[in-house]
Amino acid sequence: MESHEGWRIITATTVTIARALKHFGRTTEFTFLDRSARGLLLHVHVVPGAAKTGIAGIHDQRLKVRVHAPPAGGAANRELVRFLSELF
């Protein structure tokens, strides 16, 4: 891990998110990340039922993630956790 302005951020995850946001013409200002007493807090805006799962940009200072799974029976939540676990 590396220290950046008092934050402990996993380098590989930071690079992955930064590359995805660059695709959308965004800067790498991580307004969707907060350090908490329990670790790193990631604010996300989830869009279920997408054609494929992936980072879709920034929405209202949250990382916008589209997930392929439908919003029923917790499927979208499980898909989000699976996707994020690949990043982290």
C-alpha atoms as a PDB file:
ATOM      1  CA  MET A   1       0.000   0.000   0.000  1.00  0.00           C
ATOM      2  CA  GLU A   2       1.071   3.577  -0.531  1.00  0.00           C
ATOM      3  CA  SER A   3       0.354   6.679   1.507  1.00  0.00           C
ATOM      4  CA  HIS A   4      -1.172   9.608  -0.401  1.00  0.00           C
ATOM      5  CA  GLU A   5      -2.213  12.729   1.524  1.00  0.00           C
ATOM      6  CA  GLY A   6      -2.802  10.662   4.650  1.00  0.00           C
ATOM      7  CA  TRP A   7      -4.854   8.060   2.806  1.00  0.00           C
ATOM      8  CA  ARG A   8      -3.792   4.457   2.462  1.00  0.00           C
ATOM      9  CA  ILE A   9      -4.819   3.368  -0.993  1.00  0.00           C
ATOM     10  CA  ILE A  10      -4.138   0.069  -2.692  1.00  0.00           C
ATOM     11  CA  THR A  11      -2.006   1.072  -5.674  1.00  0.00           C
ATOM     12  CA  ALA A  12      -3.336  -1.495  -8.159  1.00  0.00           C
ATOM     13  CA  THR A  13      -6.932  -0.516  -7.411  1.00  0.00           C
ATOM     14  CA  THR A  14      -6.151   3.172  -7.741  1.00  0.00           C
ATOM     15  CA  VAL A  15      -4.556   2.620 -11.138  1.00  0.00           C
ATOM     16  CA  THR A  16      -7.449   0.448 -12.335  1.00  0.00           C
ATOM     17  CA  ILE A  17     -10.065   3.020 -11.324  1.00  0.00           C
ATOM     18  CA  ALA A  18      -7.980   5.892 -12.702  1.00  0.00           C
ATOM     19  CA  ARG A  19      -7.677   4.158 -16.087  1.00  0.00           C
ATOM     20  CA  ALA A  20     -11.406   3.498 -16.200  1.00  0.00           C
ATOM     21  CA  LEU A  21     -12.228   7.115 -15.355  1.00  0.00           C
ATOM     22  CA  LYS A  22      -9.725   8.414 -17.929  1.00  0.00           C
ATOM     23  CA  HIS A  23     -11.749   6.509 -20.532  1.00  0.00           C
ATOM     24  CA  PHE A  24     -14.697   8.749 -19.608  1.00  0.00           C
ATOM     25  CA  GLY A  25     -12.597  11.926 -19.742  1.00  0.00           C
ATOM     26  CA  ARG A  26     -12.535  12.319 -15.963  1.00  0.00           C
ATOM     27  CA  THR A  27      -9.661  13.368 -13.783  1.00  0.00           C
ATOM     28  CA  THR A  28      -8.484  11.074 -11.055  1.00  0.00           C
ATOM     29  CA  GLU A  29     -10.001  13.064  -8.188  1.00  0.00           C
ATOM     30  CA  PHE A  30     -11.227  10.335  -5.872  1.00  0.00           C
ATOM     31  CA  THR A  31     -14.159  12.174  -4.285  1.00  0.00           C
ATOM     32  CA  PHE A  32     -15.878   8.802  -3.898  1.00  0.00           C
ATOM     33  CA  LEU A  33     -13.249   7.516  -1.416  1.00  0.00           C
ATOM     34  CA  ASP A  34     -13.194   8.321   2.305  1.00  0.00           C
ATOM     35  CA  ARG A  35     -10.954   7.036   5.033  1.00  0.00           C
ATOM     36  CA  SER A  36     -12.882   5.762   8.015  1.00  0.00           C
ATOM     37  CA  ALA A  37     -11.948   4.168  11.329  1.00  0.00           C
ATOM     38  CA  ARG A  38     -12.581   0.750   9.735  1.00  0.00           C
ATOM     39  CA  GLY A  39     -10.563   1.396   6.551  1.00  0.00           C
ATOM     40  CA  LEU A  40     -11.416   2.786   3.157  1.00  0.00           C
ATOM     41  CA  LEU A  41     -15.036   3.717   2.393  1.00  0.00           C
ATOM     42  CA  LEU A  42     -16.056   3.541  -1.265  1.00  0.00           C
ATOM     43  CA  HIS A  43     -19.185   5.474  -2.268  1.00  0.00           C
ATOM     44  CA  VAL A  44     -20.856   3.836  -5.257  1.00  0.00           C
ATOM     45  CA  HIS A  45     -23.874   4.443  -7.455  1.00  0.00           C
ATOM     46  CA  VAL A  46     -25.000   1.063  -8.789  1.00  0.00           C
ATOM     47  CA  VAL A  47     -26.973   0.610 -12.010  1.00  0.00           C
ATOM     48  CA  PRO A  48     -28.347  -2.951 -12.219  1.00  0.00           C
ATOM     49  CA  GLY A  49     -29.438  -4.725 -15.400  1.00  0.00           C
ATOM     50  CA  ALA A  50     -26.614  -3.369 -17.594  1.00  0.00           C
ATOM     51  CA  ALA A  51     -25.338  -5.126 -20.712  1.00  0.00           C
ATOM     52  CA  LYS A  52     -22.052  -5.816 -18.893  1.00  0.00           C
ATOM     53  CA  THR A  53     -20.470  -5.125 -15.525  1.00  0.00           C
ATOM     54  CA  GLY A  54     -17.922  -2.321 -15.244  1.00  0.00           C
ATOM     55  CA  ILE A  55     -17.040   1.175 -14.105  1.00  0.00           C
ATOM     56  CA  ALA A  56     -19.234   3.719 -15.885  1.00  0.00           C
ATOM     57  CA  GLY A  57     -17.823   6.992 -14.543  1.00  0.00           C
ATOM     58  CA  ILE A  58     -18.800   9.317 -11.720  1.00  0.00           C
ATOM     59  CA  HIS A  59     -22.341  10.122 -10.605  1.00  0.00           C
ATOM     60  CA  ASP A  60     -22.980  12.683  -7.848  1.00  0.00           C
ATOM     61  CA  GLN A  61     -19.436  12.240  -6.438  1.00  0.00           C
ATOM     62  CA  ARG A  62     -19.863   8.458  -6.357  1.00  0.00           C
ATOM     63  CA  LEU A  63     -18.165   5.822  -8.466  1.00  0.00           C
ATOM     64  CA  LYS A  64     -20.788   4.699 -10.976  1.00  0.00           C
ATOM     65  CA  VAL A  65     -20.730   0.926 -11.475  1.00  0.00           C
ATOM     66  CA  ARG A  66     -23.012  -0.855 -13.891  1.00  0.00           C
ATOM     67  CA  VAL A  67     -23.752  -4.481 -13.076  1.00  0.00           C
ATOM     68  CA  HIS A  68     -25.164  -7.077 -15.421  1.00  0.00           C
ATOM     69  CA  ALA A  69     -27.303  -8.743 -12.756  1.00  0.00           C
ATOM     70  CA  PRO A  70     -30.947  -7.753 -12.253  1.00  0.00           C
ATOM     71  CA  PRO A  71     -32.092  -5.844  -9.156  1.00  0.00           C
ATOM     72  CA  ALA A  72     -33.901  -8.841  -7.663  1.00  0.00           C
ATOM     73  CA  GLY A  73     -33.077 -11.236  -4.866  1.00  0.00           C
ATOM     74  CA  GLY A  74     -29.770  -9.565  -4.081  1.00  0.00           C
ATOM     75  CA  ALA A  75     -28.267 -10.564  -7.451  1.00  0.00           C
ATOM     76  CA  ALA A  76     -27.050  -7.034  -8.254  1.00  0.00           C
ATOM     77  CA  ASN A  77     -25.451  -6.725  -4.804  1.00  0.00           C
ATOM     78  CA  ARG A  78     -23.627 -10.040  -5.233  1.00  0.00           C
ATOM     79  CA  GLU A  79     -22.409  -8.991  -8.683  1.00  0.00           C
ATOM     80  CA  LEU A  80     -21.163  -5.661  -7.287  1.00  0.00           C
ATOM     81  CA  VAL A  81     -19.252  -7.417  -4.501  1.00  0.00           C
ATOM     82  CA  ARG A  82     -17.765  -9.887  -7.005  1.00  0.00           C
ATOM     83  CA  PHE A  83     -16.665  -7.077  -9.331  1.00  0.00           C
ATOM     84  CA  LEU A  84     -15.184  -4.933  -6.556  1.00  0.00           C
ATOM     85  CA  SER A  85     -13.362  -7.925  -5.075  1.00  0.00           C
ATOM     86  CA  GLU A  86     -11.547  -8.308  -8.404  1.00  0.00           C
ATOM     87  CA  LEU A  87     -10.382  -4.680  -8.139  1.00  0.00           C
ATOM     88  CA  PHE A  88      -9.310  -4.877  -4.520  1.00  0.00           C
END
